Amino acid sequence: MKILVTGGLGFIGSHTVVELQNEGYEVVIIDNLSNSTIDVLDGITAITNKKPIFEKLDLKVKSDVQDFFKRHNDIVGTIHFAANKAVGESVAEPLMYYENNITTLIYLLQELKGLSQKNFIFSSSCTVYGQADELPITENAPVKPAESPYGNTKQIGEEIIRDTCRVNGDIKAIALRYFNPIGAHESTEIGELPLGVPQNLVPYITQTAIGMREQLSVFGGDYLTSDGTCVRDYIHVVDLAKAHVLALQRLLNVKNDSNYEFFNLGTGTGSTVLEAVQSFERVSGKALNYKIVDRREGDVTAAYAETSKANNVLGWKTELTLDDAMSAAWKWEQKIRTK
């Protein structure tokens, strides 16, 4: 069974490719290498002893997408990760986010219609809930006005998929709404490797600890939380990757209740930013140089998942802890800086 993974050399994509190959699927990766490197292919191969097919391709070029599907018309499932994903950057560069995140989705869905098996997994986000009225956040929580252009692209993306499924009964799709993926593979062959200055918390923590960054900025110390910093649901990337395999199998085995479904993916537990910092200090034995600064535009106060739907319907639950993820991320950071 051939599975397409767009953005398959990125952080979550690469870990999902590993889990797919471990389950025996043939994987084709599309990636434009805008926020990843070709070396990740070697890491995937080292873990699984199998090299996935790779095509460097920009999904914004419609003719290239059409050509790809002509050559790979035997794909039975697509997992779509390829997107820009930094909240702060999206506030500064909204048009870049709308062009990249929406156009590419449309081109993929247009080609999906021509395949014999039309199974689609969408990389969505808890940002679709905005600042939720109640915690933990269930799938029944209202989708509220987005706090950032990034979040809005995920809301619009889900609407496009839902509307497409409504009039194309043979397309089956699942949107997976992630909370905060962190960590690395235990092998230290793959992990989070942002190009340039990290936009996410954990790589900034590890780069600060190893001396690449002078200081970690903690955005906002006056939120209505236990220590004044934002609360997030930090999920180990390997747990997250395994959920994608289960979601795909749900569609392939025709276990889905409708042709468009969505699930929260998180641990069900919220941790403040300072608790995440303390977890890192605990597992690494290093004191972290950090400073609380002004709030960042686009950030919500708190977000963590109610996970019973994913637990009971998908048959998935997290197995790895915040400390496990911090430990793996630190080992990964140490490895890549000593290459």
Protein backbone atom coordinates (compact mmCIF):
# COMPACT_ATOMS: atom_id res chain seq x y z
CA MET A 1 0.00 0.00 0.00
CA LYS A 2 1.51 3.31 -1.11
CA ILE A 3 1.01 6.29 1.18
CA LEU A 4 1.86 9.89 0.26
CA VAL A 5 3.25 12.03 3.09
CA THR A 6 3.55 15.72 2.23
CA GLY A 7 6.06 17.57 4.36
CA GLY A 8 7.46 14.15 5.18
CA LEU A 9 10.93 15.43 6.05
CA GLY A 10 9.55 17.86 8.62
CA PHE A 11 9.32 17.27 12.35
CA ILE A 12 5.99 15.44 12.64
CA GLY A 13 6.08 14.16 9.08
CA SER A 14 9.39 12.33 9.45
CA HIS A 15 8.30 10.58 12.64
CA THR A 16 5.06 9.53 10.95
CA VAL A 17 6.99 8.14 7.96
CA VAL A 18 8.97 6.00 10.42
CA GLU A 19 5.79 4.62 11.99
CA LEU A 20 4.22 3.96 8.58
CA GLN A 21 7.29 2.09 7.35
CA ASN A 22 7.42 0.12 10.60
CA GLU A 23 3.86 -1.00 9.79
CA GLY A 24 4.89 -2.13 6.31
CA TYR A 25 3.52 0.70 4.16
CA GLU A 26 5.38 2.00 1.13
CA VAL A 27 5.89 5.72 1.65
CA VAL A 28 6.32 8.49 -0.90
CA ILE A 29 7.47 11.82 0.54
CA ILE A 30 6.89 15.22 -1.01
CA ASP A 31 8.84 18.07 0.58
CA ASN A 32 10.14 21.37 -0.78
CA LEU A 33 12.87 21.53 1.92
CA SER A 34 11.79 25.03 2.96
CA ASN A 35 11.89 24.07 6.64
CA SER A 36 13.71 20.74 6.56
CA THR A 37 16.87 19.16 5.18
CA ILE A 38 17.53 16.18 2.95
CA ASP A 39 19.59 14.58 5.76
CA VAL A 40 16.31 13.60 7.44
CA LEU A 41 15.90 10.97 4.73
CA ASP A 42 19.03 9.25 6.01
CA GLY A 43 17.70 9.35 9.56
CA ILE A 44 14.43 7.69 8.52
CA THR A 45 16.37 5.06 6.58
CA ALA A 46 18.69 4.38 9.54
CA ILE A 47 15.72 3.71 11.85
CA THR A 48 13.59 1.60 9.50
CA ASN A 49 16.23 0.04 7.21
CA LYS A 50 14.11 1.22 4.30
CA LYS A 51 14.50 4.37 2.23
CA PRO A 52 11.21 6.05 1.32
CA ILE A 53 10.66 7.45 -2.16
CA PHE A 54 11.39 11.17 -2.09
CA GLU A 55 10.40 13.94 -4.48
CA LYS A 56 11.43 17.55 -3.98
CA LEU A 57 8.33 19.36 -5.10
CA ASP A 58 6.56 22.63 -4.33
CA LEU A 59 2.85 21.92 -3.85
CA LYS A 60 2.05 25.53 -4.80
CA VAL A 61 2.93 24.65 -8.41
CA LYS A 62 -0.28 23.07 -9.68
CA SER A 63 1.23 21.50 -12.80
CA ASP A 64 3.87 19.73 -10.68
CA VAL A 65 1.19 18.36 -8.37
CA GLN A 66 -0.80 17.10 -11.37
CA ASP A 67 2.31 15.48 -12.85
CA PHE A 68 3.11 13.77 -9.53
CA PHE A 69 -0.30 12.10 -9.32
CA LYS A 70 -0.11 10.95 -12.93
CA ARG A 71 3.07 9.09 -12.00
CA HIS A 72 1.75 7.87 -8.64
CA ASN A 73 -1.87 7.01 -9.36
CA ASP A 74 -1.69 3.97 -7.05
CA ILE A 75 -1.60 6.02 -3.82
CA VAL A 76 -4.20 4.70 -1.35
CA GLY A 77 -3.80 7.34 1.35
CA THR A 78 -2.44 10.88 1.72
CA ILE A 79 -1.24 12.45 4.96
CA HIS A 80 -0.91 16.19 4.49
CA PHE A 81 1.60 17.92 6.78
CA ALA A 82 3.16 20.44 4.38
CA ALA A 83 2.34 23.90 5.74
CA ASN A 84 3.85 26.94 7.40
CA LYS A 85 3.16 26.61 11.10
CA ALA A 86 4.51 29.44 13.28
CA VAL A 87 1.88 31.62 14.98
CA GLY A 88 4.13 34.66 15.33
CA GLU A 89 5.38 34.50 11.76
CA SER A 90 1.83 34.18 10.46
CA VAL A 91 0.85 37.42 12.19
CA ALA A 92 3.74 39.17 10.43
CA GLU A 93 3.33 37.39 7.05
CA PRO A 94 -0.37 36.55 6.62
CA LEU A 95 -0.40 36.39 2.81
CA MET A 96 2.48 33.89 2.78
CA TYR A 97 0.49 31.66 5.14
CA TYR A 98 -2.75 31.89 3.16
CA GLU A 99 -1.02 31.19 -0.14
CA ASN A 100 1.00 28.24 1.11
CA ASN A 101 -1.44 26.56 3.49
CA ILE A 102 -4.65 26.95 1.48
CA THR A 103 -3.49 26.66 -2.14
CA THR A 104 -1.57 23.44 -1.55
CA LEU A 105 -4.53 21.80 0.16
CA ILE A 106 -6.84 22.65 -2.74
CA TYR A 107 -4.43 21.25 -5.33
CA LEU A 108 -4.08 18.00 -3.38
CA LEU A 109 -7.84 17.54 -3.00
CA GLN A 110 -8.38 18.20 -6.70
CA GLU A 111 -5.96 15.36 -7.55
CA LEU A 112 -7.36 13.08 -4.85
CA LYS A 113 -10.67 12.99 -6.74
CA GLY A 114 -8.95 11.11 -9.56
CA LEU A 115 -7.59 8.26 -7.40
CA SER A 116 -9.37 4.97 -6.88
CA GLN A 117 -8.83 5.20 -3.10
CA LYS A 118 -9.43 8.69 -1.71
CA ASN A 119 -8.24 8.59 1.91
CA PHE A 120 -6.97 11.86 3.36
CA ILE A 121 -5.48 12.74 6.76
CA PHE A 122 -5.17 16.46 7.49
CA SER A 123 -2.66 17.94 9.90
CA SER A 124 -4.85 20.38 11.82
CA SER A 125 -4.39 22.17 15.11
CA CYS A 126 -6.00 23.03 18.42
CA THR A 127 -5.67 26.66 17.29
CA VAL A 128 -9.04 26.13 15.55
CA TYR A 129 -10.66 26.45 18.99
CA GLY A 130 -9.16 29.88 19.67
CA GLN A 131 -9.43 30.78 23.36
CA ALA A 132 -11.78 28.02 24.44
CA ASP A 133 -14.62 28.73 26.88
CA GLU A 134 -14.07 25.49 28.79
CA LEU A 135 -11.09 23.28 29.58
CA PRO A 136 -10.22 20.60 28.74
CA ILE A 137 -11.20 21.19 25.10
CA THR A 138 -13.53 18.61 23.57
CA GLU A 139 -14.26 18.12 19.88
CA ASN A 140 -17.67 19.65 20.57
CA ALA A 141 -16.10 22.98 21.55
CA PRO A 142 -17.05 25.75 19.12
CA VAL A 143 -14.56 26.74 16.44
CA LYS A 144 -14.05 30.38 17.41
CA PRO A 145 -12.50 33.30 15.53
CA ALA A 146 -8.85 32.45 15.02
CA GLU A 147 -6.22 34.23 17.10
CA SER A 148 -3.72 34.19 14.20
CA PRO A 149 -3.58 33.77 10.42
CA TYR A 150 -1.96 30.36 11.03
CA GLY A 151 -4.96 29.25 13.08
CA ASN A 152 -7.27 30.66 10.45
CA THR A 153 -5.61 28.59 7.71
CA LYS A 154 -6.35 25.46 9.75
CA GLN A 155 -9.98 26.50 10.22
CA ILE A 156 -10.36 27.28 6.51
CA GLY A 157 -8.55 24.05 5.63
CA GLU A 158 -11.00 21.99 7.65
CA GLU A 159 -13.94 23.84 6.05
CA ILE A 160 -12.57 23.11 2.57
CA ILE A 161 -12.19 19.41 3.39
CA ARG A 162 -15.65 19.20 4.97
CA ASP A 163 -17.30 20.92 2.00
CA THR A 164 -15.40 18.68 -0.43
CA CYS A 165 -16.44 15.53 1.44
CA ARG A 166 -20.07 16.69 1.49
CA VAL A 167 -20.32 16.57 -2.32
CA ASN A 168 -17.79 13.76 -2.92
CA GLY A 169 -19.04 10.79 -0.94
CA ASP A 170 -16.12 8.59 -1.98
CA ILE A 171 -13.55 10.95 -0.39
CA LYS A 172 -12.87 9.98 3.22
CA ALA A 173 -11.00 12.42 5.44
CA ILE A 174 -9.91 12.79 9.06
CA ALA A 175 -8.62 16.06 10.52
CA LEU A 176 -6.28 15.58 13.47
CA ARG A 177 -6.20 18.60 15.78
CA TYR A 178 -2.80 18.57 17.46
CA PHE A 179 -1.98 20.27 20.66
CA ASN A 180 1.79 20.89 21.18
CA PRO A 181 4.12 18.29 19.64
CA ILE A 182 7.60 18.08 21.17
CA GLY A 183 10.48 15.61 21.57
CA ALA A 184 12.46 13.43 19.17
CA HIS A 185 12.85 9.79 18.18
CA GLU A 186 14.59 7.73 20.86
CA SER A 187 17.24 6.69 18.31
CA THR A 188 18.30 10.37 17.96
CA GLU A 189 18.26 9.80 14.18
CA ILE A 190 15.45 12.34 13.67
CA GLY A 191 14.03 15.20 15.72
CA GLU A 192 12.94 18.82 15.54
CA LEU A 193 15.38 20.82 13.44
CA PRO A 194 14.03 24.28 12.64
CA LEU A 195 15.95 26.30 10.09
CA GLY A 196 16.98 29.67 11.52
CA VAL A 197 15.64 30.94 14.84
CA PRO A 198 13.19 28.44 16.37
CA GLN A 199 9.54 29.51 16.53
CA ASN A 200 8.62 26.76 18.99
CA LEU A 201 9.43 26.47 22.68
CA VAL A 202 11.38 23.22 23.00
CA PRO A 203 14.01 23.73 20.29
CA TYR A 204 14.59 27.21 21.71
CA ILE A 205 15.04 25.64 25.16
CA THR A 206 17.56 23.08 23.89
CA GLN A 207 19.44 25.60 21.76
CA THR A 208 19.68 27.93 24.77
CA ALA A 209 20.93 25.10 26.97
CA ILE A 210 23.62 24.12 24.47
CA GLY A 211 24.79 27.73 24.04
CA MET A 212 23.42 28.60 20.59
CA ARG A 213 20.95 31.11 22.04
CA GLU A 214 21.80 33.50 24.83
CA GLN A 215 18.45 33.43 26.58
CA LEU A 216 14.97 31.95 26.30
CA SER A 217 12.15 34.48 26.21
CA VAL A 218 9.01 33.32 28.02
CA PHE A 219 6.17 35.31 26.47
CA GLY A 220 3.91 36.65 29.20
CA GLY A 221 4.04 36.18 32.95
CA ASP A 222 0.67 37.70 33.81
CA TYR A 223 -1.79 35.14 32.46
CA LEU A 224 -4.43 33.79 34.84
CA THR A 225 -2.63 30.49 35.38
CA SER A 226 -0.82 28.87 38.31
CA ASP A 227 2.47 30.66 37.62
CA GLY A 228 1.38 33.38 35.17
CA THR A 229 2.66 31.63 32.02
CA CYS A 230 0.61 30.05 29.24
CA VAL A 231 -0.69 26.51 29.65
CA ARG A 232 -0.22 24.04 26.80
CA ASP A 233 -0.71 20.33 26.22
CA TYR A 234 2.74 19.01 25.26
CA ILE A 235 2.53 15.71 23.36
CA HIS A 236 5.48 13.49 22.43
CA VAL A 237 5.93 13.46 18.66
CA VAL A 238 6.21 9.65 18.53
CA ASP A 239 2.82 9.27 20.22
CA LEU A 240 1.44 11.80 17.74
CA ALA A 241 2.93 9.95 14.77
CA LYS A 242 1.31 6.69 15.85
CA ALA A 243 -2.09 8.39 15.89
CA HIS A 244 -1.72 9.16 12.17
CA VAL A 245 -1.21 5.49 11.38
CA LEU A 246 -4.33 4.55 13.36
CA ALA A 247 -6.36 7.28 11.63
CA LEU A 248 -5.19 6.09 8.23
CA GLN A 249 -6.03 2.47 9.07
CA ARG A 250 -9.49 3.58 10.21
CA LEU A 251 -10.13 4.88 6.70
CA LEU A 252 -8.43 2.02 4.86
CA ASN A 253 -10.46 -0.51 6.86
CA VAL A 254 -13.68 1.51 6.37
CA LYS A 255 -14.22 1.87 10.11
CA ASN A 256 -15.11 5.56 9.86
CA ASP A 257 -18.59 6.68 10.94
CA SER A 258 -18.79 9.42 8.29
CA ASN A 259 -16.57 10.53 5.42
CA TYR A 260 -15.32 13.53 7.42
CA GLU A 261 -14.19 13.12 11.02
CA PHE A 262 -11.95 15.02 13.40
CA PHE A 263 -10.09 14.18 16.60
CA ASN A 264 -8.13 16.02 19.27
CA LEU A 265 -4.60 14.69 19.79
CA GLY A 266 -3.09 15.61 23.14
CA THR A 267 -2.21 14.15 26.53
CA GLY A 268 -5.23 15.58 28.31
CA THR A 269 -2.95 17.43 30.73
CA GLY A 270 -1.92 21.07 30.64
CA SER A 271 1.54 22.26 31.65
CA THR A 272 2.66 25.87 31.99
CA VAL A 273 5.66 27.12 30.05
CA LEU A 274 7.61 27.32 33.31
CA GLU A 275 6.67 23.71 34.13
CA ALA A 276 8.05 22.73 30.72
CA VAL A 277 11.26 24.62 31.52
CA GLN A 278 11.46 22.85 34.89
CA SER A 279 10.96 19.47 33.20
CA PHE A 280 13.89 20.21 30.90
CA GLU A 281 16.09 21.29 33.80
CA ARG A 282 15.15 18.11 35.66
CA VAL A 283 16.06 15.67 32.88
CA SER A 284 19.12 17.57 31.60
CA GLY A 285 20.61 18.66 34.92
CA LYS A 286 21.17 22.10 33.41
CA ALA A 287 19.87 25.44 34.68
CA LEU A 288 18.24 27.34 31.83
CA ASN A 289 18.79 31.04 31.24
CA TYR A 290 15.30 32.46 30.66
CA LYS A 291 13.48 35.74 31.07
CA ILE A 292 9.78 36.55 31.21
CA VAL A 293 8.94 39.17 28.57
CA ASP A 294 5.78 40.76 27.16
CA ARG A 295 2.98 38.62 25.78
CA ARG A 296 3.15 37.57 22.13
CA GLU A 297 0.31 38.46 19.81
CA GLY A 298 -1.79 35.46 18.81
CA ASP A 299 -1.18 33.36 21.94
CA VAL A 300 -4.14 32.02 23.94
CA THR A 301 -3.98 31.69 27.73
CA ALA A 302 -4.53 27.96 28.01
CA ALA A 303 -5.27 24.99 25.78
CA TYR A 304 -5.28 21.30 26.62
CA ALA A 305 -7.21 18.41 25.18
CA GLU A 306 -10.07 16.23 26.27
CA THR A 307 -8.87 13.01 24.63
CA SER A 308 -11.61 10.43 25.22
CA LYS A 309 -12.80 10.50 21.58
CA ALA A 310 -9.32 9.67 20.27
CA ASN A 311 -8.86 7.12 23.07
CA ASN A 312 -12.17 5.32 22.52
CA VAL A 313 -12.84 5.74 18.79
CA LEU A 314 -9.33 5.70 17.33
CA GLY A 315 -8.00 3.35 20.00
CA TRP A 316 -5.10 5.70 20.66
CA LYS A 317 -3.62 7.20 23.78
CA THR A 318 -0.32 8.77 24.72
CA GLU A 319 2.31 6.62 26.38
CA LEU A 320 5.24 9.03 26.77
CA THR A 321 5.60 11.84 29.32
CA LEU A 322 6.73 15.46 29.25
CA ASP A 323 10.01 14.37 30.84
CA ASP A 324 10.41 11.65 28.16
CA ALA A 325 9.96 14.25 25.44
CA MET A 326 12.36 16.74 27.01
CA SER A 327 14.98 14.05 27.50
CA ALA A 328 14.69 12.92 23.86
CA ALA A 329 14.82 16.52 22.61
CA TRP A 330 17.96 17.21 24.65
CA LYS A 331 19.72 14.06 23.42
CA TRP A 332 18.82 15.03 19.85
CA GLU A 333 20.15 18.56 20.32
CA GLN A 334 23.42 17.24 21.75
CA LYS A 335 23.82 14.82 18.86
CA ILE A 336 23.25 17.32 16.05
CA ARG A 337 25.63 19.87 17.59
CA THR A 338 28.47 17.35 17.81
CA LYS A 339 28.22 16.22 14.18
